Amino acid sequence: MKLNKNPINKYEDLKKFCDDSINEPFISIDTEFTRNKSFFPKLCLIQLATENQAIIVDTLASKNLKPIENILINPKILKIFHSSRQDLEIIFNTFEKLPKNIFDTQIAFSFLSLDNQVSYEKLVLKYCNKVIDKKYQYYDWSLRPLNPTQVNYALSDVSYLTEIYKKMNRALKNKNMLDWVFEESEKLLDENLYIQNPKEYWKRIKINKKFKYSRKKLQLLTEYRENHCIKNNVTRNSFLSDDKIVTLLLKTSKPEKQINFNKLIDNKIEKVRKDKLIDILLMDDEPKINENFIEKSIDINLFNTTKILLNIVSTKYNIAESMIAKVSELKSLSEKNVHASKIFNSWRHKIFGSLIEKLYAGKVSIIIKNGKIDYHEI
């Protein structure tokens, strides 16, 4: 593979690469960005690789990225990513649309091993027998000029993806699981994953379940914070961090104490916004039990049995447990909601959900076979 070590910053050069690549069966893609000073990530580089060549596009210098958009939306070209969630977010913010037809190598490896969320570095070592230096992983990619070491690092993030994909593709076909990977990768192409919803952010705030708090205040604080940060493109932490919101909420749950909110809220926040935050904190709303973290009663025997069954299935098919089912899904199982989980859909039903159904019917039991835990279908 030819590595083009001169970053592309002219439309003509980018168009030529994309025109030459329009009939390629697949293209590897990665991005470099910064977001430590802004709410939205700032795209700095896009790396693209075919089987024959790899390039870097300097997106700070090259403003017309239409040729890349044409590649992204072409359903005939498979787009290969590793751990694509952040790349897809940046693509969505940049082009206001998501690519079509993707393959995520991190997801794929979960179907080829018991390792979930494997790093790109490990995949390169396993499939290409190469060691890559990740010292630029958290580099400020908005800085210019790029030195040769940085260019090599950026190119390595796509140049090995081609070989990794081809080897994974063969292995997945041998296991008849290639379609499963495409199904799971496709779920990342839901635009709702990347649209900011200020009214819903409060659900992501984690508060110790032993504390009481006002859900109404939590909702209003987070919505106000999100709207401000989105409008001004500033980070949450620079205005009001999640931890600070929790601290303020827990302070207001103790009405017997006099609280100086002016001291608790960062002095860098202008007075009009600080006053708005204080108004929310002082509004009349009784603190309640942290309903967001109340553990629902679970059938402990069913949970323990399904956890053992999950481990057996995971080992049998060599698929990471968390790819098949999460602990929270097992906890929510009961004979009353037998089909209320994704465990009972598609490929998960084939290897795991169907066993749960048989377990409910008394047609599966856990046994010891040849010194190992196994299941037996009656």
Protein backbone atom coordinates (compact mmCIF):
# COMPACT_ATOMS: atom_id res chain seq x y z
CA MET A 1 0.00 0.00 0.00
CA LYS A 2 1.27 3.44 -0.93
CA LEU A 3 1.27 5.89 2.00
CA ASN A 4 0.84 9.46 0.79
CA LYS A 5 2.68 11.41 3.46
CA ASN A 6 1.81 14.87 2.19
CA PRO A 7 -1.55 15.86 3.71
CA ILE A 8 -4.08 16.84 1.05
CA ASN A 9 -5.30 20.42 1.31
CA LYS A 10 -6.45 21.07 -2.27
CA TYR A 11 -9.87 20.19 -3.64
CA GLU A 12 -8.40 18.88 -6.92
CA ASP A 13 -6.18 16.34 -5.13
CA LEU A 14 -9.01 15.16 -2.89
CA LYS A 15 -11.38 14.83 -5.85
CA LYS A 16 -8.85 12.77 -7.79
CA PHE A 17 -8.42 10.30 -4.92
CA CYS A 18 -12.16 9.97 -4.44
CA ASP A 19 -12.82 9.62 -8.18
CA ASP A 20 -10.16 6.92 -8.40
CA SER A 21 -11.77 5.16 -5.40
CA ILE A 22 -15.39 5.25 -6.50
CA ASN A 23 -15.32 1.62 -7.67
CA GLU A 24 -13.43 0.28 -4.67
CA PRO A 25 -15.28 -2.45 -2.73
CA PHE A 26 -14.26 -0.90 0.61
CA ILE A 27 -12.48 2.11 2.10
CA SER A 28 -11.03 2.44 5.60
CA ILE A 29 -11.81 5.68 7.41
CA ASP A 30 -10.58 7.40 10.57
CA THR A 31 -10.69 10.94 11.91
CA GLU A 32 -8.56 13.10 14.19
CA PHE A 33 -10.25 15.84 16.14
CA THR A 34 -10.18 18.03 19.23
CA ARG A 35 -13.04 18.72 21.64
CA ASN A 36 -11.37 19.83 24.87
CA LYS A 37 -12.33 23.46 24.24
CA SER A 38 -15.68 23.11 22.52
CA PHE A 39 -19.00 21.31 22.87
CA PHE A 40 -18.85 19.92 19.35
CA PRO A 41 -15.73 18.09 18.20
CA LYS A 42 -13.54 20.05 15.79
CA LEU A 43 -12.58 17.93 12.79
CA CYS A 44 -8.87 18.26 12.01
CA LEU A 45 -8.02 15.32 9.75
CA ILE A 46 -9.77 12.59 7.79
CA GLN A 47 -7.71 9.55 6.84
CA LEU A 48 -8.84 7.33 3.97
CA ALA A 49 -7.33 4.09 2.67
CA THR A 50 -8.07 1.69 -0.16
CA GLU A 51 -6.15 -1.52 -0.79
CA ASN A 52 -3.68 0.50 -2.88
CA GLN A 53 -3.12 3.79 -1.08
CA ALA A 54 -3.74 5.78 2.07
CA ILE A 55 -4.13 9.55 2.35
CA ILE A 56 -4.61 12.26 4.96
CA VAL A 57 -7.00 15.13 4.30
CA ASP A 58 -6.24 18.33 6.21
CA THR A 59 -9.80 19.43 6.93
CA LEU A 60 -8.62 22.71 8.46
CA ALA A 61 -7.15 23.72 5.09
CA SER A 62 -9.45 21.85 2.70
CA LYS A 63 -12.95 23.22 3.19
CA ASN A 64 -14.76 21.53 0.30
CA LEU A 65 -15.22 17.91 1.39
CA LYS A 66 -17.96 17.02 -1.09
CA PRO A 67 -15.88 14.25 -2.73
CA ILE A 68 -15.63 12.50 0.65
CA GLU A 69 -19.37 12.88 1.18
CA ASN A 70 -19.95 11.13 -2.16
CA ILE A 71 -17.87 8.19 -0.92
CA LEU A 72 -19.64 8.08 2.44
CA ILE A 73 -23.17 7.95 1.05
CA ASN A 74 -22.34 5.45 -1.70
CA PRO A 75 -24.00 2.20 -0.55
CA LYS A 76 -21.83 0.09 -2.87
CA ILE A 77 -18.65 1.01 -0.99
CA LEU A 78 -18.16 -0.60 2.41
CA LYS A 79 -16.79 1.87 4.95
CA ILE A 80 -14.49 0.28 7.53
CA PHE A 81 -14.05 1.91 10.94
CA HIS A 82 -12.62 0.90 14.28
CA SER A 83 -14.73 1.92 17.28
CA SER A 84 -16.75 4.16 15.01
CA ARG A 85 -19.05 6.00 17.43
CA GLN A 86 -16.98 9.21 17.69
CA ASP A 87 -16.03 9.14 14.01
CA LEU A 88 -19.71 8.86 13.08
CA GLU A 89 -20.59 11.74 15.40
CA ILE A 90 -18.05 13.98 13.67
CA ILE A 91 -19.18 12.85 10.23
CA PHE A 92 -22.78 13.61 11.16
CA ASN A 93 -21.86 17.07 12.50
CA THR A 94 -19.77 17.82 9.41
CA PHE A 95 -21.96 16.48 6.62
CA GLU A 96 -25.34 16.46 8.42
CA LYS A 97 -25.75 12.85 7.33
CA LEU A 98 -24.32 9.46 8.19
CA PRO A 99 -22.48 7.06 5.89
CA LYS A 100 -24.14 4.03 4.36
CA ASN A 101 -22.86 0.47 4.67
CA ILE A 102 -20.30 0.32 7.51
CA PHE A 103 -18.22 -2.37 9.20
CA ASP A 104 -16.85 -1.77 12.71
CA THR A 105 -13.78 -3.89 13.51
CA GLN A 106 -14.28 -3.46 17.26
CA ILE A 107 -17.76 -4.91 17.01
CA ALA A 108 -16.48 -7.63 14.67
CA PHE A 109 -13.82 -8.76 17.13
CA SER A 110 -16.52 -9.28 19.78
CA PHE A 111 -17.80 -12.09 17.52
CA LEU A 112 -14.34 -13.59 17.19
CA SER A 113 -13.20 -13.56 20.81
CA LEU A 114 -14.34 -13.11 24.40
CA ASP A 115 -12.72 -9.65 24.40
CA ASN A 116 -15.16 -6.76 24.23
CA GLN A 117 -14.14 -3.24 23.10
CA VAL A 118 -10.68 -4.32 21.93
CA SER A 119 -8.23 -1.54 21.09
CA TYR A 120 -7.00 -0.84 17.56
CA GLU A 121 -3.45 -1.33 18.80
CA LYS A 122 -4.24 -4.94 19.82
CA LEU A 123 -5.89 -5.68 16.49
CA VAL A 124 -2.87 -4.40 14.56
CA LEU A 125 -0.60 -6.60 16.63
CA LYS A 126 -2.85 -9.67 16.25
CA TYR A 127 -3.69 -9.43 12.55
CA CYS A 128 -0.70 -7.52 11.12
CA ASN A 129 2.03 -8.41 13.61
CA LYS A 130 2.91 -4.73 13.90
CA VAL A 131 3.36 -2.52 16.95
CA ILE A 132 2.00 1.00 16.64
CA ASP A 133 2.91 3.91 18.90
CA LYS A 134 -0.19 5.51 20.42
CA LYS A 135 1.56 8.53 21.96
CA TYR A 136 -0.40 10.90 19.69
CA GLN A 137 -3.76 9.45 20.70
CA TYR A 138 -4.60 12.55 22.74
CA TYR A 139 -2.61 15.07 20.72
CA ASP A 140 -4.07 18.46 19.79
CA TRP A 141 -4.59 17.79 16.09
CA SER A 142 -5.55 21.39 15.38
CA LEU A 143 -1.89 22.41 15.67
CA ARG A 144 0.05 22.98 12.47
CA PRO A 145 2.37 22.07 10.87
CA LEU A 146 2.18 18.29 11.27
CA ASN A 147 5.54 16.60 11.69
CA PRO A 148 6.43 13.32 9.88
CA THR A 149 5.87 11.24 13.04
CA GLN A 150 2.35 12.60 13.42
CA VAL A 151 1.62 11.93 9.75
CA ASN A 152 2.81 8.33 10.11
CA TYR A 153 0.65 7.89 13.19
CA ALA A 154 -2.45 9.23 11.42
CA LEU A 155 -1.84 7.01 8.38
CA SER A 156 -1.37 3.94 10.59
CA ASP A 157 -4.92 4.40 11.89
CA VAL A 158 -6.30 3.42 8.46
CA SER A 159 -3.50 1.63 6.60
CA TYR A 160 -3.78 -1.53 8.74
CA LEU A 161 -7.58 -1.57 8.76
CA THR A 162 -7.67 -3.06 5.26
CA GLU A 163 -5.72 -6.17 6.23
CA ILE A 164 -7.58 -6.48 9.53
CA TYR A 165 -10.93 -6.34 7.73
CA LYS A 166 -10.00 -8.97 5.14
CA LYS A 167 -8.83 -11.44 7.79
CA MET A 168 -11.86 -10.77 9.97
CA ASN A 169 -14.14 -11.17 6.98
CA ARG A 170 -12.82 -14.66 6.28
CA ALA A 171 -13.04 -15.69 9.94
CA LEU A 172 -16.60 -14.41 10.29
CA LYS A 173 -17.70 -16.18 7.12
CA ASN A 174 -16.27 -19.41 8.52
CA LYS A 175 -18.39 -18.91 11.66
CA ASN A 176 -21.45 -17.81 9.63
CA MET A 177 -21.50 -14.57 11.65
CA LEU A 178 -20.63 -11.92 9.06
CA ASP A 179 -24.25 -10.83 8.77
CA TRP A 180 -24.42 -10.48 12.55
CA VAL A 181 -21.58 -7.96 12.50
CA PHE A 182 -23.28 -5.92 9.78
CA GLU A 183 -26.49 -5.98 11.78
CA GLU A 184 -24.77 -4.63 14.90
CA SER A 185 -22.73 -2.06 12.93
CA GLU A 186 -25.91 -0.82 11.24
CA LYS A 187 -27.34 0.14 14.64
CA LEU A 188 -24.72 2.88 14.87
CA LEU A 189 -26.29 4.60 11.86
CA ASP A 190 -29.25 5.88 13.85
CA GLU A 191 -29.20 9.69 13.64
CA ASN A 192 -30.86 9.93 17.06
CA LEU A 193 -27.59 8.77 18.61
CA TYR A 194 -25.89 11.96 17.46
CA ILE A 195 -28.62 14.59 17.85
CA GLN A 196 -28.25 16.56 21.06
CA ASN A 197 -31.41 16.59 23.17
CA PRO A 198 -31.07 18.99 26.14
CA LYS A 199 -34.32 17.74 27.69
CA GLU A 200 -33.04 14.17 27.93
CA TYR A 201 -29.50 14.66 29.23
CA TRP A 202 -30.56 14.45 32.88
CA LYS A 203 -30.98 10.69 32.49
CA ARG A 204 -27.21 10.37 32.05
CA ILE A 205 -26.38 11.99 35.39
CA LYS A 206 -25.32 9.41 37.98
CA ILE A 207 -26.27 10.05 41.61
CA ASN A 208 -25.58 7.70 44.51
CA LYS A 209 -28.82 5.84 45.19
CA LYS A 210 -28.67 6.57 48.94
CA PHE A 211 -29.25 10.29 48.33
CA LYS A 212 -32.47 12.19 47.77
CA TYR A 213 -32.71 14.89 45.13
CA SER A 214 -35.19 16.94 43.14
CA ARG A 215 -35.66 15.41 39.72
CA LYS A 216 -37.35 18.59 38.51
CA LYS A 217 -34.30 20.67 39.44
CA LEU A 218 -32.01 18.11 37.82
CA GLN A 219 -33.99 18.30 34.59
CA LEU A 220 -34.01 22.10 34.55
CA LEU A 221 -30.32 22.45 35.44
CA THR A 222 -29.12 20.04 32.79
CA GLU A 223 -31.44 21.44 30.13
CA TYR A 224 -30.25 24.99 30.85
CA ARG A 225 -26.61 23.87 30.83
CA GLU A 226 -26.99 21.90 27.59
CA ASN A 227 -28.72 24.74 25.76
CA HIS A 228 -26.04 27.21 26.83
CA CYS A 229 -23.16 24.92 25.81
CA ILE A 230 -24.70 24.03 22.46
CA LYS A 231 -25.50 27.65 21.60
CA ASN A 232 -22.02 28.89 22.57
CA ASN A 233 -20.10 25.72 21.60
CA VAL A 234 -18.34 25.49 24.95
CA THR A 235 -17.59 22.40 27.01
CA ARG A 236 -19.90 21.28 29.79
CA ASN A 237 -17.05 21.37 32.32
CA SER A 238 -16.21 24.97 31.47
CA PHE A 239 -19.74 26.04 32.38
CA LEU A 240 -21.24 23.54 34.82
CA SER A 241 -19.94 19.98 35.04
CA ASP A 242 -22.06 16.93 35.84
CA ASP A 243 -20.29 16.62 39.20
CA LYS A 244 -21.05 20.24 40.02
CA ILE A 245 -24.73 19.72 39.19
CA VAL A 246 -24.86 16.74 41.57
CA THR A 247 -23.13 18.75 44.32
CA LEU A 248 -25.60 21.62 43.96
CA LEU A 249 -28.59 19.27 43.95
CA LEU A 250 -27.50 17.48 47.09
CA LYS A 251 -26.93 20.80 48.84
CA THR A 252 -30.51 21.85 48.11
CA SER A 253 -31.80 18.58 49.58
CA LYS A 254 -30.88 19.92 53.03
CA PRO A 255 -33.21 22.91 53.45
CA GLU A 256 -32.30 23.36 57.11
CA LYS A 257 -28.90 24.72 56.07
CA GLN A 258 -28.21 28.18 54.69
CA ILE A 259 -26.33 27.77 51.42
CA ASN A 260 -24.29 30.39 49.61
CA PHE A 261 -24.78 29.31 46.01
CA ASN A 262 -22.76 32.23 44.74
CA LYS A 263 -19.67 30.62 46.25
CA LEU A 264 -20.54 27.16 44.99
CA ILE A 265 -21.07 28.25 41.39
CA ASP A 266 -17.97 29.14 39.40
CA ASN A 267 -17.23 32.88 39.50
CA LYS A 268 -16.39 32.77 35.79
CA ILE A 269 -20.09 32.36 35.02
CA GLU A 270 -21.63 35.73 34.23
CA LYS A 271 -24.12 37.08 36.77
CA VAL A 272 -27.25 36.69 34.64
CA ARG A 273 -26.56 32.99 34.12
CA LYS A 274 -25.52 32.45 37.70
CA ASP A 275 -28.78 34.06 38.87
CA LYS A 276 -30.74 31.73 36.58
CA LEU A 277 -29.01 28.68 38.07
CA ILE A 278 -29.69 29.91 41.59
CA ASP A 279 -33.36 30.48 40.76
CA ILE A 280 -33.63 26.85 39.67
CA LEU A 281 -31.88 25.61 42.82
CA LEU A 282 -34.11 27.67 45.12
CA MET A 283 -37.40 26.76 43.46
CA ASP A 284 -39.96 24.98 45.61
CA ASP A 285 -39.69 21.24 44.98
CA GLU A 286 -39.40 18.56 47.63
CA PRO A 287 -36.37 16.25 47.33
CA LYS A 288 -37.40 12.67 46.67
CA ILE A 289 -35.83 9.24 46.71
CA ASN A 290 -33.44 8.81 43.80
CA GLU A 291 -35.97 6.93 41.67
CA ASN A 292 -33.54 6.72 38.78
CA PHE A 293 -31.41 4.29 40.75
CA ILE A 294 -33.93 2.21 42.67
CA GLU A 295 -33.14 -1.47 42.09
CA LYS A 296 -36.20 -3.34 40.94
CA SER A 297 -36.78 -6.69 42.59
CA ILE A 298 -35.31 -9.49 40.53
CA ASP A 299 -35.69 -13.22 40.46
CA ILE A 300 -32.25 -14.01 41.87
CA ASN A 301 -32.40 -17.70 40.99
CA LEU A 302 -33.37 -16.93 37.41
CA PHE A 303 -30.67 -14.26 37.19
CA ASN A 304 -27.92 -16.58 38.47
CA THR A 305 -29.01 -19.37 36.13
CA THR A 306 -29.15 -17.14 33.06
CA LYS A 307 -25.75 -15.63 33.97
CA ILE A 308 -24.24 -19.14 33.99
CA LEU A 309 -26.03 -19.95 30.75
CA LEU A 310 -24.69 -16.75 29.16
CA ASN A 311 -21.14 -17.68 30.13
CA ILE A 312 -21.55 -21.15 28.60
CA VAL A 313 -22.95 -19.73 25.34
CA SER A 314 -20.25 -17.04 25.20
CA THR A 315 -17.51 -19.64 25.54
CA LYS A 316 -19.18 -22.05 23.11
CA TYR A 317 -19.46 -19.49 20.30
CA ASN A 318 -16.38 -17.46 21.31
CA ILE A 319 -18.41 -14.24 21.46
CA ALA A 320 -17.98 -11.59 24.16
CA GLU A 321 -20.70 -11.93 26.82
CA SER A 322 -21.70 -8.27 26.68
CA MET A 323 -22.32 -8.53 22.95
CA ILE A 324 -24.90 -11.26 23.57
CA ALA A 325 -26.59 -9.78 26.65
CA LYS A 326 -25.90 -7.20 29.31
CA VAL A 327 -26.28 -7.85 33.05
CA SER A 328 -29.14 -5.33 33.22
CA GLU A 329 -31.04 -7.34 30.60
CA LEU A 330 -30.62 -10.53 32.60
CA LYS A 331 -31.84 -8.77 35.75
CA SER A 332 -35.00 -7.61 33.99
CA LEU A 333 -35.93 -11.11 32.81
CA SER A 334 -38.98 -12.83 34.17
CA GLU A 335 -41.48 -15.37 32.92
CA LYS A 336 -44.01 -12.54 32.59
CA ASN A 337 -41.89 -10.53 30.10
CA VAL A 338 -40.35 -13.42 28.27
CA HIS A 339 -40.06 -11.52 24.97
CA ALA A 340 -39.42 -7.99 26.28
CA SER A 341 -35.67 -7.98 25.56
CA LYS A 342 -33.46 -7.87 22.45
CA ILE A 343 -32.16 -11.24 23.67
CA PHE A 344 -35.18 -12.73 21.93
CA ASN A 345 -34.51 -11.06 18.57
CA SER A 346 -32.43 -12.01 15.54
CA TRP A 347 -29.10 -13.80 16.07
CA ARG A 348 -29.27 -13.40 19.86
CA HIS A 349 -32.43 -15.47 19.93
CA LYS A 350 -30.77 -18.15 17.84
CA ILE A 351 -27.89 -18.76 20.26
CA PHE A 352 -29.22 -17.52 23.61
CA GLY A 353 -32.83 -16.35 23.70
CA SER A 354 -34.14 -19.71 22.54
CA LEU A 355 -32.32 -21.35 25.47
CA ILE A 356 -33.96 -18.92 27.91
CA GLU A 357 -37.36 -19.88 26.50
CA LYS A 358 -36.52 -23.55 27.00
CA LEU A 359 -35.30 -22.76 30.50
CA TYR A 360 -38.71 -21.25 31.31
CA ALA A 361 -40.34 -24.40 29.92
CA GLY A 362 -38.13 -26.67 32.03
CA LYS A 363 -36.39 -28.05 28.96
CA VAL A 364 -32.86 -26.84 29.78
CA SER A 365 -30.75 -27.69 32.81
CA ILE A 366 -27.23 -26.76 33.93
CA ILE A 367 -24.91 -29.78 34.21
CA ILE A 368 -21.27 -30.66 34.78
CA LYS A 369 -19.84 -32.39 31.71
CA ASN A 370 -16.23 -33.58 31.50
CA GLY A 371 -15.39 -31.36 34.45
CA LYS A 372 -16.91 -28.25 32.84
CA ILE A 373 -20.20 -26.44 33.34
CA ASP A 374 -22.55 -27.00 30.40
CA TYR A 375 -26.25 -27.01 29.61
CA HIS A 376 -28.40 -29.94 28.64
CA GLU A 377 -31.55 -29.69 26.53
CA ILE A 378 -34.22 -32.11 27.69
